[in-house]
Amino acid sequence: NFSGPPGCGKTTLAADIIIAATHPDRNGKALGGLFQFDFEYLGDGNIVVIDAENNQNRWASLLHRKMEREGLNPGEINRRIVYVRPSDVGLQTQSNWETSTAKFSDALAANRARFVIGDSLGRIWSPEDINSAGWVQRAFAPFRTACQQHGITSLMLTHTSREASRTSSPQGPIGSSFQEGQADGQIMMSRTKVNGRPGIKLLHRKSRRSFWIQQSTSINLTFTRQYGYEPQHLWETTWPLECPDVDELDDNYTPTTIENIEQLLKAASPKAISTSVIAEQLGISPRTARSHLSKLSKSGCATKEGNGPSTNWRYKPQC
């Protein structure tokens, strides 16, 4: 999901990605190499633009101009782009969100869609609150799930409030329901200048499933004729192309002290265990153990029995 204020270049950015995903001369290379798509996997599948802005002519004109500037043949991709209005498939009818979204997602797979551009997320489904759990479950979740099932890449654009100044911090969907777990990546966009040249700034926001890019990683891109965008010097060191293996990362995970204490309480359950024993087994001070045990007690995961040196702790199964 790319979020940004009106006029910051979201449509231009999406157009660059469409060309990268469809034109053989680009071979999957978008934004000067910032994104690299598997061109062979995308094959000759269709690109679907969910156009809630009713700007089909604008999309077609923008794509044509960009390809002309790059010396690319527009005929290579025009036949593969399908424009859809949300109202045509019932996505804007709140009483029928879940059913319409599921049917539309199945239709995307049946018509060999490989890439979907949504412009814009808030207008496609028209939720009152883009971060509400109800909207996520009824509208966005079925769409996201279908894309995962059928191997469809989806790029959503989201409007944010207009920037007060060029130095203002970009804001966007940051609620837990939408961003943390519902989108693979959340990137904020804003206009900027790099060495006096106009460009855009991309700022990565936290998302549980996009852990592979560090939170608050940012990168500047300037506008060029070659690819439309040129990332700043040495961008590869801060903006990785590939996601590491999740299972491999899990194997290397080191539990925190409080997690280790909780595991000891679980292992001893239903019996209680003393603070001194916990401290000794984990190689920490009794004071540190008491501090973490107090936190577990406040969270409802442990109960305290006794006081002073004879204090014991018991794990609460309902935690």
Protein backbone atom coordinates (compact mmCIF):
# COMPACT_ATOMS: atom_id res chain seq x y z
CA ASN A 1 0.00 0.00 0.00
CA PHE A 2 1.32 3.40 -1.05
CA SER A 3 -0.15 6.35 0.83
CA GLY A 4 0.33 10.02 0.06
CA PRO A 5 -1.39 13.39 -0.31
CA PRO A 6 -3.04 14.49 -3.58
CA GLY A 7 -0.53 15.42 -6.25
CA CYS A 8 2.50 13.63 -4.77
CA GLY A 9 2.78 11.23 -7.72
CA LYS A 10 0.99 8.03 -6.68
CA THR A 11 -0.55 7.45 -10.12
CA THR A 12 2.75 8.17 -11.87
CA LEU A 13 4.49 5.69 -9.58
CA ALA A 14 1.83 3.04 -10.21
CA ALA A 15 2.13 3.62 -13.98
CA ASP A 16 5.87 2.96 -13.78
CA ILE A 17 5.18 -0.31 -11.96
CA ILE A 18 2.60 -1.35 -14.57
CA ILE A 19 5.14 -0.84 -17.36
CA ALA A 20 7.76 -2.80 -15.41
CA ALA A 21 5.36 -5.70 -14.88
CA THR A 22 4.20 -5.90 -18.50
CA HIS A 23 6.77 -4.55 -20.96
CA PRO A 24 9.49 -7.03 -21.99
CA ASP A 25 12.11 -4.29 -22.30
CA ARG A 26 11.69 -3.49 -18.61
CA ASN A 27 11.81 -7.17 -17.57
CA GLY A 28 10.16 -6.49 -14.22
CA LYS A 29 12.37 -3.55 -13.26
CA ALA A 30 10.45 -0.70 -11.61
CA LEU A 31 11.46 2.64 -10.10
CA GLY A 32 15.02 2.36 -11.34
CA GLY A 33 15.44 -1.08 -9.77
CA LEU A 34 13.87 -0.35 -6.39
CA PHE A 35 11.33 -3.09 -7.16
CA GLN A 36 12.09 -6.17 -9.25
CA PHE A 37 9.18 -8.35 -10.31
CA ASP A 38 9.39 -11.89 -11.68
CA PHE A 39 8.61 -11.12 -15.31
CA GLU A 40 8.44 -14.79 -16.34
CA TYR A 41 5.88 -15.50 -13.60
CA LEU A 42 3.74 -12.55 -14.64
CA GLY A 43 3.87 -13.97 -18.17
CA ASP A 44 1.21 -12.56 -20.44
CA GLY A 45 -1.39 -12.24 -17.68
CA ASN A 46 -3.60 -9.19 -17.42
CA ILE A 47 -3.11 -6.02 -15.40
CA VAL A 48 -6.34 -4.85 -13.76
CA VAL A 49 -6.76 -1.24 -12.69
CA ILE A 50 -9.60 -0.79 -10.18
CA ASP A 51 -10.33 2.79 -11.10
CA ALA A 52 -12.39 4.45 -8.37
CA GLU A 53 -11.21 7.87 -9.54
CA ASN A 54 -12.90 7.39 -12.95
CA ASN A 55 -9.68 8.47 -14.66
CA GLN A 56 -9.31 5.80 -17.34
CA ASN A 57 -8.27 8.34 -19.98
CA ARG A 58 -5.71 9.78 -17.58
CA TRP A 59 -4.21 6.33 -16.95
CA ALA A 60 -4.00 5.54 -20.66
CA SER A 61 -2.46 8.92 -21.49
CA LEU A 62 0.09 8.70 -18.67
CA LEU A 63 1.20 5.20 -19.65
CA HIS A 64 1.48 6.20 -23.32
CA ARG A 65 3.58 9.30 -22.54
CA LYS A 66 5.92 7.40 -20.23
CA MET A 67 6.56 4.66 -22.80
CA GLU A 68 7.13 7.19 -25.57
CA ARG A 69 9.76 8.96 -23.45
CA GLU A 70 11.52 5.62 -22.87
CA GLY A 71 11.31 4.61 -26.53
CA LEU A 72 9.03 1.66 -25.71
CA ASN A 73 6.26 0.35 -27.95
CA PRO A 74 2.88 1.04 -26.21
CA GLY A 75 1.26 -1.71 -28.25
CA GLU A 76 3.15 -4.28 -26.18
CA ILE A 77 0.93 -3.72 -23.13
CA ASN A 78 -2.26 -1.86 -24.12
CA ARG A 79 -4.17 -5.08 -24.80
CA ARG A 80 -3.30 -6.44 -21.35
CA ILE A 81 -4.65 -3.58 -19.23
CA VAL A 82 -8.26 -3.91 -18.04
CA TYR A 83 -10.01 -1.00 -16.31
CA VAL A 84 -12.74 -1.77 -13.77
CA ARG A 85 -14.98 0.63 -11.85
CA PRO A 86 -15.78 -0.55 -8.29
CA SER A 87 -19.47 0.24 -8.77
CA ASP A 88 -19.63 -2.17 -11.74
CA VAL A 89 -18.78 -5.14 -9.49
CA GLY A 90 -20.59 -4.03 -6.32
CA LEU A 91 -17.55 -3.15 -4.23
CA GLN A 92 -19.07 0.12 -3.05
CA THR A 93 -22.25 -1.42 -1.64
CA GLN A 94 -21.53 -1.75 2.07
CA SER A 95 -24.34 -4.23 2.74
CA ASN A 96 -22.80 -6.59 0.18
CA TRP A 97 -19.07 -5.99 0.69
CA GLU A 98 -18.00 -9.51 1.59
CA THR A 99 -19.93 -11.31 -1.16
CA SER A 100 -19.03 -8.80 -3.89
CA THR A 101 -15.36 -8.80 -2.94
CA ALA A 102 -15.17 -12.61 -3.00
CA LYS A 103 -16.87 -12.80 -6.42
CA PHE A 104 -14.66 -10.09 -7.84
CA SER A 105 -11.52 -11.79 -6.54
CA ASP A 106 -12.57 -15.09 -8.16
CA ALA A 107 -13.21 -13.23 -11.42
CA LEU A 108 -9.69 -11.78 -11.32
CA ALA A 109 -8.24 -15.29 -11.12
CA ALA A 110 -10.55 -16.65 -13.84
CA ASN A 111 -9.48 -13.86 -16.19
CA ARG A 112 -5.76 -14.47 -15.61
CA ALA A 113 -5.07 -11.30 -13.67
CA ARG A 114 -1.50 -11.22 -12.41
CA PHE A 115 -1.30 -7.67 -11.16
CA VAL A 116 -3.98 -5.41 -9.65
CA ILE A 117 -3.71 -1.66 -9.10
CA GLY A 118 -6.28 -0.09 -6.77
CA ASP A 119 -6.85 3.66 -7.04
CA SER A 120 -7.68 4.50 -4.38
CA LEU A 121 -8.24 2.10 -1.48
CA GLY A 122 -10.62 4.35 0.44
CA ARG A 123 -12.80 4.98 -2.63
CA ILE A 124 -12.90 1.39 -3.87
CA TRP A 125 -14.75 0.07 -0.82
CA SER A 126 -15.65 3.48 0.69
CA PRO A 127 -15.26 2.56 4.38
CA GLU A 128 -16.04 5.11 7.04
CA ASP A 129 -12.76 4.22 8.76
CA ILE A 130 -9.98 2.53 6.78
CA ASN A 131 -8.54 1.10 10.01
CA SER A 132 -11.75 -0.39 11.40
CA ALA A 133 -11.68 -4.13 12.10
CA GLY A 134 -15.20 -4.49 10.66
CA TRP A 135 -14.20 -3.10 7.29
CA VAL A 136 -11.01 -5.16 7.17
CA GLN A 137 -12.92 -8.40 7.78
CA ARG A 138 -15.91 -7.69 5.53
CA ALA A 139 -14.27 -5.98 2.57
CA PHE A 140 -10.50 -5.95 2.40
CA ALA A 141 -9.68 -9.35 3.96
CA PRO A 142 -11.51 -11.48 1.32
CA PHE A 143 -9.73 -9.57 -1.44
CA ARG A 144 -6.33 -9.93 0.18
CA THR A 145 -6.90 -13.65 0.82
CA ALA A 146 -7.92 -14.32 -2.79
CA CYS A 147 -4.83 -12.52 -4.07
CA GLN A 148 -2.69 -14.75 -1.88
CA GLN A 149 -4.50 -17.91 -2.99
CA HIS A 150 -4.20 -17.13 -6.70
CA GLY A 151 -0.75 -15.51 -6.71
CA ILE A 152 -2.00 -12.05 -7.66
CA THR A 153 0.16 -9.07 -6.78
CA SER A 154 -1.87 -6.11 -5.57
CA LEU A 155 -0.74 -2.50 -5.28
CA MET A 156 -3.16 -0.20 -3.46
CA LEU A 157 -2.99 3.59 -3.46
CA THR A 158 -4.38 5.57 -0.51
CA HIS A 159 -5.07 9.28 -0.16
CA THR A 160 -3.81 11.08 2.93
CA SER A 161 -4.36 14.67 4.01
CA ARG A 162 -2.67 17.36 1.96
CA GLU A 163 0.79 18.30 3.20
CA ALA A 164 0.96 21.51 5.23
CA SER A 165 4.50 22.06 3.95
CA ARG A 166 7.25 20.20 2.14
CA THR A 167 8.89 19.46 5.49
CA SER A 168 5.77 18.07 7.17
CA SER A 169 5.78 14.41 8.16
CA PRO A 170 3.56 12.23 5.93
CA GLN A 171 0.61 10.58 7.62
CA GLY A 172 -1.51 7.63 6.55
CA PRO A 173 -3.32 4.44 7.59
CA ILE A 174 -1.47 3.38 10.73
CA GLY A 175 -4.19 1.59 12.70
CA SER A 176 -3.56 -1.95 13.86
CA SER A 177 -6.48 -3.49 11.94
CA PHE A 178 -5.29 -2.44 8.49
CA GLN A 179 -1.58 -1.90 8.60
CA GLU A 180 -0.27 -4.50 11.01
CA GLY A 181 -0.88 -7.80 9.26
CA GLN A 182 -3.34 -6.80 6.55
CA ALA A 183 -0.82 -5.23 4.16
CA ASP A 184 2.52 -6.77 3.26
CA GLY A 185 4.09 -3.35 3.03
CA GLN A 186 2.98 0.17 3.95
CA ILE A 187 4.92 2.95 2.22
CA MET A 188 4.31 6.68 2.66
CA MET A 189 4.93 9.04 -0.26
CA SER A 190 5.71 12.75 -0.27
CA ARG A 191 7.27 15.22 -2.66
CA THR A 192 10.86 16.29 -2.11
CA LYS A 193 13.92 17.71 -3.83
CA VAL A 194 17.26 15.96 -4.17
CA ASN A 195 20.17 18.28 -4.99
CA GLY A 196 17.69 20.78 -6.35
CA ARG A 197 15.96 18.22 -8.57
CA PRO A 198 12.28 17.35 -8.05
CA GLY A 199 11.52 13.88 -6.77
CA ILE A 200 9.63 11.81 -4.22
CA LYS A 201 10.43 10.37 -0.82
CA LEU A 202 9.32 6.85 0.14
CA LEU A 203 9.09 6.11 3.86
CA HIS A 204 8.42 2.57 5.08
CA ARG A 205 5.97 2.24 7.96
CA LYS A 206 5.74 -0.73 10.29
CA SER A 207 3.81 -3.78 9.10
CA ARG A 208 4.04 -7.22 10.66
CA ARG A 209 4.46 -9.01 7.38
CA SER A 210 6.98 -6.59 5.91
CA PHE A 211 9.56 -7.02 8.66
CA TRP A 212 12.24 -7.42 6.03
CA ILE A 213 12.42 -3.65 5.52
CA GLN A 214 13.34 -1.84 8.71
CA GLN A 215 10.67 0.47 10.09
CA SER A 216 11.17 4.12 9.09
CA THR A 217 13.60 3.21 6.29
CA SER A 218 13.35 6.00 3.73
CA ILE A 219 14.70 6.63 0.27
CA ASN A 220 14.60 9.55 -2.17
CA LEU A 221 14.02 9.18 -5.89
CA THR A 222 14.55 11.84 -8.55
CA PHE A 223 12.67 11.99 -11.84
CA THR A 224 14.64 10.90 -14.91
CA ARG A 225 13.93 10.11 -18.54
CA GLN A 226 15.30 6.56 -18.44
CA TYR A 227 13.02 4.83 -15.95
CA GLY A 228 11.07 7.79 -14.69
CA TYR A 229 12.79 7.45 -11.31
CA GLU A 230 16.35 7.19 -10.04
CA PRO A 231 16.94 6.05 -6.43
CA GLN A 232 19.51 7.86 -4.34
CA HIS A 233 23.14 6.70 -4.34
CA LEU A 234 23.82 3.33 -2.65
CA TRP A 235 20.11 2.68 -2.09
CA GLU A 236 20.72 -1.09 -2.20
CA THR A 237 22.19 -1.02 1.30
CA THR A 238 18.97 0.28 2.88
CA TRP A 239 16.24 -1.08 0.61
CA PRO A 240 16.64 -4.89 0.11
CA LEU A 241 15.09 -6.54 -2.93
CA GLU A 242 14.30 -9.92 -1.41
CA CYS A 243 12.51 -11.07 1.72
CA PRO A 244 14.55 -13.51 3.87
CA ASP A 245 13.20 -16.96 4.64
CA VAL A 246 10.66 -16.70 7.47
CA ASP A 247 11.38 -20.16 8.88
CA GLU A 248 15.10 -19.47 8.97
CA LEU A 249 14.48 -16.26 10.91
CA ASP A 250 12.24 -18.10 13.37
CA ASP A 251 14.99 -20.64 14.08
CA ASN A 252 17.32 -17.80 15.06
CA TYR A 253 14.81 -16.10 17.33
CA THR A 254 16.08 -15.42 20.88
CA PRO A 255 13.32 -15.26 23.55
CA THR A 256 13.28 -12.26 25.88
CA THR A 257 13.85 -12.64 29.63
CA ILE A 258 10.16 -12.25 30.41
CA GLU A 259 9.31 -14.91 27.79
CA ASN A 260 11.85 -17.28 29.39
CA ILE A 261 10.28 -16.69 32.81
CA GLU A 262 6.82 -17.40 31.41
CA GLN A 263 8.10 -20.67 29.92
CA LEU A 264 9.53 -21.72 33.32
CA LEU A 265 6.17 -21.02 34.97
CA LYS A 266 4.41 -23.08 32.30
CA ALA A 267 6.83 -25.98 32.73
CA ALA A 268 6.31 -26.01 36.51
CA SER A 269 2.51 -25.69 36.28
CA PRO A 270 0.34 -26.55 38.17
CA LYS A 271 2.99 -26.23 40.87
CA ALA A 272 4.36 -22.88 41.99
CA ILE A 273 8.01 -21.87 41.66
CA SER A 274 10.05 -19.46 43.77
CA THR A 275 11.67 -16.23 42.63
CA SER A 276 15.10 -17.47 43.67
CA VAL A 277 14.80 -20.65 41.60
CA ILE A 278 13.73 -18.67 38.53
CA ALA A 279 16.64 -16.26 38.96
CA GLU A 280 19.11 -19.11 39.38
CA GLN A 281 17.91 -21.09 36.34
CA LEU A 282 18.01 -18.06 34.04
CA GLY A 283 21.20 -16.56 35.46
CA ILE A 284 19.58 -13.25 36.36
CA SER A 285 19.35 -11.32 39.61
CA PRO A 286 16.38 -11.88 41.97
CA ARG A 287 15.52 -8.20 41.52
CA THR A 288 15.26 -8.60 37.73
CA ALA A 289 13.18 -11.74 38.18
CA ARG A 290 10.78 -9.97 40.57
CA SER A 291 10.39 -7.07 38.14
CA HIS A 292 9.38 -9.35 35.25
CA LEU A 293 7.17 -11.52 37.46
CA SER A 294 5.33 -8.39 38.57
CA LYS A 295 4.66 -7.54 34.91
CA LEU A 296 3.36 -11.06 34.26
CA SER A 297 1.10 -10.73 37.30
CA LYS A 298 -0.33 -7.42 36.06
CA SER A 299 -0.99 -8.95 32.64
CA GLY A 300 -2.85 -11.85 34.26
CA CYS A 301 -0.33 -14.57 33.39
CA ALA A 302 0.98 -15.29 36.89
CA THR A 303 -0.27 -15.24 40.46
CA LYS A 304 1.79 -14.43 43.56
CA GLU A 305 1.73 -16.66 46.65
CA GLY A 306 3.27 -15.47 49.89
CA ASN A 307 5.63 -12.59 50.63
CA GLY A 308 9.33 -12.00 51.20
CA PRO A 309 11.84 -14.84 50.77
CA SER A 310 9.06 -17.44 50.66
CA THR A 311 7.29 -15.83 47.68
CA ASN A 312 6.24 -18.32 45.00
CA TRP A 313 4.72 -17.76 41.57
CA ARG A 314 2.21 -19.87 39.70
CA TYR A 315 1.29 -19.77 36.01
CA LYS A 316 -2.34 -18.93 35.16
CA PRO A 317 -3.61 -21.34 32.47
CA GLN A 318 -6.18 -18.81 31.23
CA CYS A 319 -3.41 -16.39 30.22
